[in-house]
Every structure is written in C-alpha cells, then in structure tokens.
C-alpha atoms as a PDB file:
ATOM      1  CA  MET A   1      29.261 -18.121  18.542  1.00  0.00           C
ATOM      2  CA  SER A   2      31.238 -15.264  17.040  1.00  0.00           C
ATOM      3  CA  LYS A   3      31.784 -14.819  13.337  1.00  0.00           C
ATOM      4  CA  LEU A   4      34.908 -16.611  12.226  1.00  0.00           C
ATOM      5  CA  LEU A   5      37.088 -15.185   9.482  1.00  0.00           C
ATOM      6  CA  VAL A   6      38.950 -18.212   8.222  1.00  0.00           C
ATOM      7  CA  ALA A   7      39.066 -19.875   4.839  1.00  0.00           C
ATOM      8  CA  ILE A   8      37.743 -23.379   5.424  1.00  0.00           C
ATOM      9  CA  ASN A   9      35.649 -24.258   2.401  1.00  0.00           C
ATOM     10  CA  PHE A  10      33.432 -27.229   1.640  1.00  0.00           C
ATOM     11  CA  PHE A  11      32.923 -28.507  -1.898  1.00  0.00           C
ATOM     12  CA  LYS A  12      31.405 -31.565  -3.512  1.00  0.00           C
ATOM     13  CA  ALA A  13      32.781 -33.293  -6.577  1.00  0.00           C
ATOM     14  CA  ASP A  14      30.557 -36.133  -7.749  1.00  0.00           C
ATOM     15  CA  VAL A  15      28.357 -36.523  -4.666  1.00  0.00           C
ATOM     16  CA  THR A  16      25.528 -34.440  -3.251  1.00  0.00           C
ATOM     17  CA  PHE A  17      26.959 -34.326   0.271  1.00  0.00           C
ATOM     18  CA  ILE A  18      27.980 -31.101   2.022  1.00  0.00           C
ATOM     19  CA  PRO A  19      28.319 -31.160   5.831  1.00  0.00           C
ATOM     20  CA  LYS A  20      25.817 -29.448   8.083  1.00  0.00           C
ATOM     21  CA  GLN A  21      26.862 -26.966  10.768  1.00  0.00           C
ATOM     22  CA  LYS A  22      29.799 -25.706   8.750  1.00  0.00           C
ATOM     23  CA  ASN A  23      30.528 -22.856  11.164  1.00  0.00           C
ATOM     24  CA  ILE A  24      30.787 -25.264  14.093  1.00  0.00           C
ATOM     25  CA  LEU A  25      33.214 -27.378  12.049  1.00  0.00           C
ATOM     26  CA  ARG A  26      35.256 -24.279  11.207  1.00  0.00           C
ATOM     27  CA  HIS A  27      35.500 -23.185  14.856  1.00  0.00           C
ATOM     28  CA  TRP A  28      36.469 -26.714  15.864  1.00  0.00           C
ATOM     29  CA  MET A  29      39.212 -26.941  13.255  1.00  0.00           C
ATOM     30  CA  VAL A  30      40.619 -23.555  14.209  1.00  0.00           C
ATOM     31  CA  ASP A  31      40.772 -24.676  17.854  1.00  0.00           C
ATOM     32  CA  VAL A  32      42.506 -27.952  16.974  1.00  0.00           C
ATOM     33  CA  ALA A  33      44.973 -26.180  14.682  1.00  0.00           C
ATOM     34  CA  ASN A  34      45.741 -23.657  17.424  1.00  0.00           C
ATOM     35  CA  ILE A  35      46.366 -26.458  19.925  1.00  0.00           C
ATOM     36  CA  HIS A  36      49.099 -27.644  17.551  1.00  0.00           C
ATOM     37  CA  HIS A  37      50.522 -24.120  17.065  1.00  0.00           C
ATOM     38  CA  CYS A  38      49.106 -23.798  13.581  1.00  0.00           C
ATOM     39  CA  ASN A  39      46.990 -21.107  11.985  1.00  0.00           C
ATOM     40  CA  ILE A  40      44.690 -21.954   9.121  1.00  0.00           C
ATOM     41  CA  ASP A  41      45.404 -20.001   5.960  1.00  0.00           C
ATOM     42  CA  GLN A  42      43.061 -21.949   3.676  1.00  0.00           C
ATOM     43  CA  ILE A  43      41.693 -25.478   3.702  1.00  0.00           C
ATOM     44  CA  ASP A  44      39.385 -26.835   1.030  1.00  0.00           C
ATOM     45  CA  PHE A  45      37.440 -30.009   1.791  1.00  0.00           C
ATOM     46  CA  ILE A  46      36.254 -31.806  -1.313  1.00  0.00           C
ATOM     47  CA  PHE A  47      33.695 -34.548  -0.702  1.00  0.00           C
ATOM     48  CA  CYS A  48      33.591 -37.201  -3.395  1.00  0.00           C
ATOM     49  CA  SER A  49      32.980 -40.842  -4.293  1.00  0.00           C
ATOM     50  CA  ASP A  50      35.339 -43.820  -4.033  1.00  0.00           C
ATOM     51  CA  THR A  51      35.892 -43.737  -7.789  1.00  0.00           C
ATOM     52  CA  TYR A  52      36.768 -40.044  -7.790  1.00  0.00           C
ATOM     53  CA  LEU A  53      39.270 -40.460  -4.953  1.00  0.00           C
ATOM     54  CA  LEU A  54      40.714 -43.639  -6.467  1.00  0.00           C
ATOM     55  CA  ASN A  55      41.463 -41.667  -9.628  1.00  0.00           C
ATOM     56  CA  ILE A  56      43.304 -39.027  -7.584  1.00  0.00           C
ATOM     57  CA  ASN A  57      45.158 -41.751  -5.693  1.00  0.00           C
ATOM     58  CA  GLN A  58      46.281 -43.351  -8.962  1.00  0.00           C
ATOM     59  CA  GLN A  59      47.103 -40.113 -10.752  1.00  0.00           C
ATOM     60  CA  PHE A  60      48.984 -38.233  -8.044  1.00  0.00           C
ATOM     61  CA  LEU A  61      50.211 -40.881  -5.596  1.00  0.00           C
ATOM     62  CA  ALA A  62      50.583 -43.941  -7.869  1.00  0.00           C
ATOM     63  CA  HIS A  63      48.441 -46.019  -5.464  1.00  0.00           C
ATOM     64  CA  ASP A  64      45.775 -48.305  -6.887  1.00  0.00           C
ATOM     65  CA  THR A  65      43.646 -48.613  -3.753  1.00  0.00           C
ATOM     66  CA  PHE A  66      40.539 -47.089  -2.283  1.00  0.00           C
ATOM     67  CA  THR A  67      41.083 -44.705   0.601  1.00  0.00           C
ATOM     68  CA  ASP A  68      38.899 -42.518   2.765  1.00  0.00           C
ATOM     69  CA  ILE A  69      41.049 -39.391   2.578  1.00  0.00           C
ATOM     70  CA  ILE A  70      43.875 -37.770   0.665  1.00  0.00           C
ATOM     71  CA  THR A  71      45.466 -34.576   1.917  1.00  0.00           C
ATOM     72  CA  PHE A  72      47.513 -32.258  -0.291  1.00  0.00           C
ATOM     73  CA  ASP A  73      49.606 -29.930   1.837  1.00  0.00           C
ATOM     74  CA  TYR A  74      50.208 -26.488   0.300  1.00  0.00           C
ATOM     75  CA  SER A  75      51.580 -24.926   3.477  1.00  0.00           C
ATOM     76  CA  VAL A  76      54.618 -22.713   3.137  1.00  0.00           C
ATOM     77  CA  ALA A  77      57.349 -23.252   5.709  1.00  0.00           C
ATOM     78  CA  SER A  78      57.856 -20.325   8.054  1.00  0.00           C
ATOM     79  CA  LYS A  79      60.189 -19.430  10.882  1.00  0.00           C
ATOM     80  CA  ALA A  80      57.262 -18.037  12.864  1.00  0.00           C
ATOM     81  CA  THR A  81      56.198 -19.794  16.059  1.00  0.00           C
ATOM     82  CA  SER A  82      52.861 -20.664  14.448  1.00  0.00           C
ATOM     83  CA  LYS A  83      52.742 -22.536  11.176  1.00  0.00           C
ATOM     84  CA  ALA A  84      50.249 -21.229   8.589  1.00  0.00           C
ATOM     85  CA  ILE A  85      48.606 -24.265   7.037  1.00  0.00           C
ATOM     86  CA  SER A  86      46.800 -24.646   3.763  1.00  0.00           C
ATOM     87  CA  GLY A  87      45.755 -27.554   1.629  1.00  0.00           C
ATOM     88  CA  GLU A  88      43.108 -29.627  -0.065  1.00  0.00           C
ATOM     89  CA  ILE A  89      41.494 -32.529   1.747  1.00  0.00           C
ATOM     90  CA  TYR A  90      39.575 -35.036  -0.382  1.00  0.00           C
ATOM     91  CA  VAL A  91      37.120 -37.268   1.501  1.00  0.00           C
ATOM     92  CA  SER A  92      35.335 -40.290   0.036  1.00  0.00           C
ATOM     93  CA  ILE A  93      31.823 -40.305   1.467  1.00  0.00           C
ATOM     94  CA  GLU A  94      31.371 -43.932   0.391  1.00  0.00           C
ATOM     95  CA  ARG A  95      34.522 -45.032   2.214  1.00  0.00           C
ATOM     96  CA  VAL A  96      33.537 -43.096   5.357  1.00  0.00           C
ATOM     97  CA  LYS A  97      30.141 -44.861   5.395  1.00  0.00           C
ATOM     98  CA  GLU A  98      31.786 -48.245   4.924  1.00  0.00           C
ATOM     99  CA  ASN A  99      34.419 -47.580   7.602  1.00  0.00           C
ATOM    100  CA  ALA A 100      31.746 -46.472  10.068  1.00  0.00           C
ATOM    101  CA  LYS A 101      30.190 -49.937   9.733  1.00  0.00           C
ATOM    102  CA  ILE A 102      33.555 -51.698   9.995  1.00  0.00           C
ATOM    103  CA  PHE A 103      34.620 -49.717  13.080  1.00  0.00           C
ATOM    104  CA  LYS A 104      31.127 -49.881  14.605  1.00  0.00           C
ATOM    105  CA  THR A 105      30.767 -46.136  14.986  1.00  0.00           C
ATOM    106  CA  SER A 106      28.333 -43.581  13.671  1.00  0.00           C
ATOM    107  CA  TYR A 107      28.703 -42.168  10.206  1.00  0.00           C
ATOM    108  CA  VAL A 108      28.963 -38.624  11.634  1.00  0.00           C
ATOM    109  CA  ASN A 109      31.676 -39.632  14.113  1.00  0.00           C
ATOM    110  CA  GLU A 110      33.694 -41.337  11.381  1.00  0.00           C
ATOM    111  CA  LEU A 111      33.265 -38.336   9.088  1.00  0.00           C
ATOM    112  CA  HIS A 112      34.540 -35.990  11.802  1.00  0.00           C
ATOM    113  CA  ARG A 113      37.473 -38.315  12.528  1.00  0.00           C
ATOM    114  CA  VAL A 114      38.457 -38.402   8.857  1.00  0.00           C
ATOM    115  CA  MET A 115      38.114 -34.635   8.460  1.00  0.00           C
ATOM    116  CA  ILE A 116      40.288 -33.919  11.494  1.00  0.00           C
ATOM    117  CA  HIS A 117      42.759 -36.567  10.311  1.00  0.00           C
ATOM    118  CA  GLY A 118      43.357 -34.430   7.218  1.00  0.00           C
ATOM    119  CA  LEU A 119      43.821 -31.299   9.305  1.00  0.00           C
ATOM    120  CA  LEU A 120      46.273 -33.131  11.580  1.00  0.00           C
ATOM    121  CA  HIS A 121      48.317 -34.076   8.512  1.00  0.00           C
ATOM    122  CA  LEU A 122      48.506 -30.376   7.650  1.00  0.00           C
ATOM    123  CA  CYS A 123      49.659 -29.709  11.233  1.00  0.00           C
ATOM    124  CA  GLY A 124      52.557 -32.100  10.647  1.00  0.00           C
ATOM    125  CA  PHE A 125      51.347 -35.449  11.979  1.00  0.00           C
ATOM    126  CA  LYS A 126      52.276 -38.550   9.986  1.00  0.00           C
ATOM    127  CA  ASP A 127      50.762 -42.032   9.884  1.00  0.00           C
ATOM    128  CA  LYS A 128      53.065 -44.307   7.899  1.00  0.00           C
ATOM    129  CA  LYS A 129      54.792 -46.037  10.852  1.00  0.00           C
ATOM    130  CA  THR A 130      52.882 -47.889  13.579  1.00  0.00           C
ATOM    131  CA  SER A 131      54.075 -45.450  16.247  1.00  0.00           C
ATOM    132  CA  ASP A 132      52.900 -42.532  14.094  1.00  0.00           C
ATOM    133  CA  GLN A 133      49.527 -44.209  13.574  1.00  0.00           C
ATOM    134  CA  LEU A 134      49.065 -44.562  17.331  1.00  0.00           C
ATOM    135  CA  GLN A 135      49.979 -40.906  17.863  1.00  0.00           C
ATOM    136  CA  MET A 136      47.602 -39.859  15.055  1.00  0.00           C
ATOM    137  CA  ARG A 137      44.753 -41.854  16.620  1.00  0.00           C
ATOM    138  CA  ARG A 138      45.366 -40.200  20.019  1.00  0.00           C
ATOM    139  CA  GLN A 139      45.317 -36.780  18.376  1.00  0.00           C
ATOM    140  CA  GLU A 140      42.079 -37.646  16.535  1.00  0.00           C
ATOM    141  CA  ASP A 141      40.485 -38.774  19.806  1.00  0.00           C
ATOM    142  CA  ASP A 142      41.598 -35.570  21.551  1.00  0.00           C
ATOM    143  CA  ALA A 143      40.256 -33.470  18.683  1.00  0.00           C
ATOM    144  CA  LEU A 144      36.886 -35.227  18.789  1.00  0.00           C
ATOM    145  CA  LYS A 145      36.673 -34.304  22.476  1.00  0.00           C
ATOM    146  CA  VAL A 146      37.256 -30.652  21.517  1.00  0.00           C
ATOM    147  CA  LEU A 147      34.343 -30.910  19.056  1.00  0.00           C
ATOM    148  CA  GLU A 148      32.036 -32.014  21.884  1.00  0.00           C
ATOM    149  CA  LYS A 149      32.239 -28.568  23.478  1.00  0.00           C
ATOM    150  CA  PHE A 150      30.895 -26.964  20.297  1.00  0.00           C
ATOM    151  CA  ILE A 151      28.074 -29.466  19.950  1.00  0.00           C
ATOM    152  CA  LEU A 152      26.973 -28.823  23.545  1.00  0.00           C
ATOM    153  CA  ILE A 153      26.709 -25.074  22.964  1.00  0.00           C
END
C-alpha cells in the first residue's frame, strides 16, 4: 500500500481507544470520499465516552440525549467539481459497543459503520428524514464493501 498524504487524524478524549490499522482506514476513507466527488482536506476523529459526547450534544446542539456520533462540518463551499471536506467527527466508544449488541453485529463492523457515517455527512448526505436515512444506510453498506478490499490485501 502506497504512502497516503492526507490529514485524517485519530485522537482520544476520555477513553484509551485508538483504532488499529489507521493507514487502511485512511485509504478507505479517501476512496469513499472520491466515490462521492469529495477530496479530504482534514478530518479529525475524536473517540470518547457517552458522557463526553452527551456534553457536546447538549452544549452545541441543544440535545439532551446520548448518541454514537456527532459530526462538525468545517468544509468550505467551492465551485470546483470536487468538494474539499474537513471536519471533526466525535465517536462514543460506549455507544458503538452498545449498538453493536443491539444490531447484532461485531463491534468492529459497527465502529466502521459509524466512522463512515460521519464521513458521509461531510460528503453531503443527510439523515433526518426517513428517505435520507435509507439512502445513508445504503451508502454505509456500499462503503463497508469498499473497506473489504483493503482488509483482503
């Protein structure tokens, strides 16, 4: 796998978790972004606890609920054919573990789904309406299939 010059960073807030195989994740995200005519400028993933993400949800979005992910989009609109995306993606490790049990999937699969969900938001996909949620889920499924090619390398 060639060296990838892209700013996809992984941080931890109040948890010890940092994903393994970061370069594979970076290559995967670049591929998915490119599929959607986006180029990654900078994306920071911040892995945290439910409490940490709840505080962000309350402070910045005025929501008093737990969530698995919050995406802050810092992309600058451009007239270019490819959109340069940047943002911060906060992921609750506790919520991902819980959702993996609820949805009867592996923790790693759910983590990848949540991570790509944040990237898809930066690419312009929404999930407020039912039709948008269905489209988002299809895009997540397609993106997870793209990841398989990197894992098989």
